[in-house]
C-alpha atoms as a PDB file:
ATOM      1  CA  ARG A   1     -24.487-120.873-102.692  1.00  0.00           C
ATOM      2  CA  TYR A   2     -25.220-117.495-101.089  1.00  0.00           C
ATOM      3  CA  LEU A   3     -28.776-117.614-102.490  1.00  0.00           C
ATOM      4  CA  ASN A   4     -29.366-120.965-100.808  1.00  0.00           C
ATOM      5  CA  GLN A   5     -28.292-119.506 -97.492  1.00  0.00           C
ATOM      6  CA  ILE A   6     -30.616-116.522 -97.858  1.00  0.00           C
ATOM      7  CA  PHE A   7     -33.499-118.769 -98.919  1.00  0.00           C
ATOM      8  CA  TYR A   8     -33.091-121.394 -96.166  1.00  0.00           C
ATOM      9  CA  LYS A   9     -32.838-118.712 -93.473  1.00  0.00           C
ATOM     10  CA  SER A  10     -36.002-116.898 -94.557  1.00  0.00           C
ATOM     11  CA  ASP A  11     -39.018-116.796 -92.254  1.00  0.00           C
ATOM     12  CA  GLU A  12     -41.236-118.116 -95.052  1.00  0.00           C
ATOM     13  CA  TRP A  13     -39.043-121.211 -95.508  1.00  0.00           C
ATOM     14  CA  ARG A  14     -38.803-121.840 -91.762  1.00  0.00           C
ATOM     15  CA  ARG A  15     -42.603-121.723 -91.433  1.00  0.00           C
ATOM     16  CA  ILE A  16     -43.220-124.209 -94.244  1.00  0.00           C
ATOM     17  CA  ARG A  17     -40.354-126.407 -93.034  1.00  0.00           C
ATOM     18  CA  ASP A  18     -41.912-126.666 -89.571  1.00  0.00           C
ATOM     19  CA  ALA A  19     -45.321-127.438 -91.103  1.00  0.00           C
ATOM     20  CA  VAL A  20     -43.870-130.250 -93.247  1.00  0.00           C
ATOM     21  CA  ILE A  21     -42.056-131.789 -90.276  1.00  0.00           C
ATOM     22  CA  LEU A  22     -45.311-131.754 -88.302  1.00  0.00           C
ATOM     23  CA  ARG A  23     -47.259-133.202 -91.228  1.00  0.00           C
ATOM     24  CA  ASP A  24     -44.743-136.041 -91.610  1.00  0.00           C
ATOM     25  CA  ASN A  25     -44.540-136.614 -87.832  1.00  0.00           C
ATOM     26  CA  GLY A  26     -40.773-136.165 -87.996  1.00  0.00           C
ATOM     27  CA  CYS A  27     -40.438-139.494 -89.804  1.00  0.00           C
ATOM     28  CA  ASP A  28     -37.971-140.307 -92.574  1.00  0.00           C
ATOM     29  CA  LEU A  29     -39.739-139.917 -95.932  1.00  0.00           C
ATOM     30  CA  ALA A  30     -42.955-139.586 -93.895  1.00  0.00           C
ATOM     31  CA  MET A  31     -42.858-143.332 -93.155  1.00  0.00           C
ATOM     32  CA  ARG A  32     -44.510-144.146 -89.860  1.00  0.00           C
ATOM     33  CA  ASP A  33     -42.178-145.804 -87.332  1.00  0.00           C
ATOM     34  CA  TRP A  34     -39.070-144.397 -89.067  1.00  0.00           C
ATOM     35  CA  GLU A  35     -38.618-141.516 -86.650  1.00  0.00           C
ATOM     36  CA  ILE A  36     -35.643-139.308 -87.352  1.00  0.00           C
ATOM     37  CA  ARG A  37     -33.192-139.137 -84.506  1.00  0.00           C
ATOM     38  CA  GLY A  38     -30.980-136.131 -85.009  1.00  0.00           C
ATOM     39  CA  ARG A  39     -31.210-133.361 -87.573  1.00  0.00           C
ATOM     40  CA  VAL A  40     -34.338-133.319 -89.722  1.00  0.00           C
ATOM     41  CA  TYR A  41     -34.015-132.195 -93.333  1.00  0.00           C
ATOM     42  CA  VAL A  42     -36.903-131.039 -95.491  1.00  0.00           C
ATOM     43  CA  HIS A  43     -36.144-132.147 -99.021  1.00  0.00           C
ATOM     44  CA  HIS A  44     -37.397-130.540-102.234  1.00  0.00           C
ATOM     45  CA  MET A  45     -38.536-133.452-104.391  1.00  0.00           C
ATOM     46  CA  ASN A  46     -38.105-131.324-107.508  1.00  0.00           C
ATOM     47  CA  PRO A  47     -34.611-129.888-107.962  1.00  0.00           C
ATOM     48  CA  ILE A  48     -34.488-126.153-107.378  1.00  0.00           C
ATOM     49  CA  THR A  49     -32.484-123.753-109.476  1.00  0.00           C
ATOM     50  CA  GLU A  50     -30.997-120.360-108.904  1.00  0.00           C
ATOM     51  CA  GLN A  51     -33.771-118.967-111.107  1.00  0.00           C
ATOM     52  CA  ASP A  52     -36.446-120.537-108.857  1.00  0.00           C
ATOM     53  CA  ILE A  53     -35.033-118.724-105.864  1.00  0.00           C
ATOM     54  CA  LEU A  54     -34.653-115.424-107.697  1.00  0.00           C
ATOM     55  CA  GLU A  55     -38.202-115.602-109.077  1.00  0.00           C
ATOM     56  CA  HIS A  56     -39.581-116.880-105.753  1.00  0.00           C
ATOM     57  CA  SER A  57     -41.242-119.832-107.537  1.00  0.00           C
ATOM     58  CA  ALA A  58     -44.408-121.017-105.809  1.00  0.00           C
ATOM     59  CA  PHE A  59     -43.380-124.681-105.737  1.00  0.00           C
ATOM     60  CA  LEU A  60     -40.512-123.823-103.366  1.00  0.00           C
ATOM     61  CA  PHE A  61     -43.079-123.461-100.595  1.00  0.00           C
ATOM     62  CA  ASP A  62     -45.644-126.032-101.745  1.00  0.00           C
ATOM     63  CA  PRO A  63     -45.850-128.905 -99.225  1.00  0.00           C
ATOM     64  CA  GLU A  64     -46.791-131.278-102.064  1.00  0.00           C
ATOM     65  CA  PHE A  65     -43.192-131.042-103.259  1.00  0.00           C
ATOM     66  CA  LEU A  66     -41.523-131.292 -99.832  1.00  0.00           C
ATOM     67  CA  ILE A  67     -40.783-134.270 -97.570  1.00  0.00           C
ATOM     68  CA  THR A  68     -38.840-134.875 -94.379  1.00  0.00           C
ATOM     69  CA  ALA A  69     -35.618-136.851 -94.570  1.00  0.00           C
ATOM     70  CA  SER A  70     -32.818-137.919 -92.280  1.00  0.00           C
ATOM     71  CA  HIS A  71     -29.261-136.875 -93.037  1.00  0.00           C
ATOM     72  CA  ILE A  72     -28.432-140.338 -94.436  1.00  0.00           C
ATOM     73  CA  THR A  73     -31.541-140.481 -96.626  1.00  0.00           C
ATOM     74  CA  HIS A  74     -30.983-136.925 -97.836  1.00  0.00           C
ATOM     75  CA  ASN A  75     -27.422-137.793 -98.896  1.00  0.00           C
ATOM     76  CA  ALA A  76     -28.589-141.008-100.581  1.00  0.00           C
ATOM     77  CA  ILE A  77     -31.090-138.979-102.615  1.00  0.00           C
ATOM     78  CA  HIS A  78     -28.589-136.312-103.628  1.00  0.00           C
ATOM     79  CA  TYR A  79     -25.714-138.664-104.399  1.00  0.00           C
ATOM     80  CA  GLY A  80     -27.857-141.444-105.888  1.00  0.00           C
ATOM     81  CA  ASP A  81     -26.263-143.999-103.581  1.00  0.00           C
ATOM     82  CA  GLU A  82     -28.819-146.523-102.360  1.00  0.00           C
ATOM     83  CA  SER A  83     -26.184-148.255-100.227  1.00  0.00           C
ATOM     84  CA  LEU A  84     -26.324-145.301 -97.806  1.00  0.00           C
ATOM     85  CA  LEU A  85     -29.899-146.173 -96.835  1.00  0.00           C
ATOM     86  CA  PRO A  86     -30.640-148.247 -93.752  1.00  0.00           C
ATOM     87  CA  THR A  87     -31.688-151.806 -94.561  1.00  0.00           C
ATOM     88  CA  GLY A  88     -34.107-152.212 -91.688  1.00  0.00           C
ATOM     89  CA  TRP A  89     -34.274-152.459 -87.969  1.00  0.00           C
ATOM     90  CA  THR A  90     -32.793-155.225 -85.870  1.00  0.00           C
ATOM     91  CA  GLU A  91     -35.374-156.782 -83.606  1.00  0.00           C
ATOM     92  CA  ARG A  92     -34.478-156.129 -79.987  1.00  0.00           C
ATOM     93  CA  THR A  93     -34.439-159.043 -77.560  1.00  0.00           C
ATOM     94  CA  ARG A  94     -34.449-159.228 -73.813  1.00  0.00           C
ATOM     95  CA  ASN A  95     -31.037-158.404 -72.277  1.00  0.00           C
ATOM     96  CA  ASP A  96     -29.428-157.849 -75.693  1.00  0.00           C
ATOM     97  CA  THR A  97     -27.406-154.970 -74.269  1.00  0.00           C
ATOM     98  CA  CYS A  98     -26.138-157.007 -71.291  1.00  0.00           C
ATOM     99  CA  PRO A  99     -23.595-159.523 -72.641  1.00  0.00           C
ATOM    100  CA  TRP A 100     -23.165-161.286 -69.288  1.00  0.00           C
ATOM    101  CA  LYS A 101     -26.873-162.081 -68.897  1.00  0.00           C
ATOM    102  CA  CYS A 102     -28.467-165.099 -70.493  1.00  0.00           C
ATOM    103  CA  MET A 103     -31.611-164.650 -72.500  1.00  0.00           C
END
């Protein structure tokens, strides 16, 4: 765990993380119109090992293997639980937040 903390606090990681977030426009799994509200995670699509960190493997910093994810999506990926993922957006209607107003 201590290696993860050292790695994720490194200047090199922070630079590539920022670049990936910009590339993906801050959208969940880089899907347009799925903007992340809250903390943005940058997910390694290939699992990383202790050895990768110790050897400073090149793929750790390769944007081809990185993608932005929301907290919920990140957990769904790591725990293999598809039920955590959002099912879609509810279409907003006029006055839908004002229960005393008629539509």
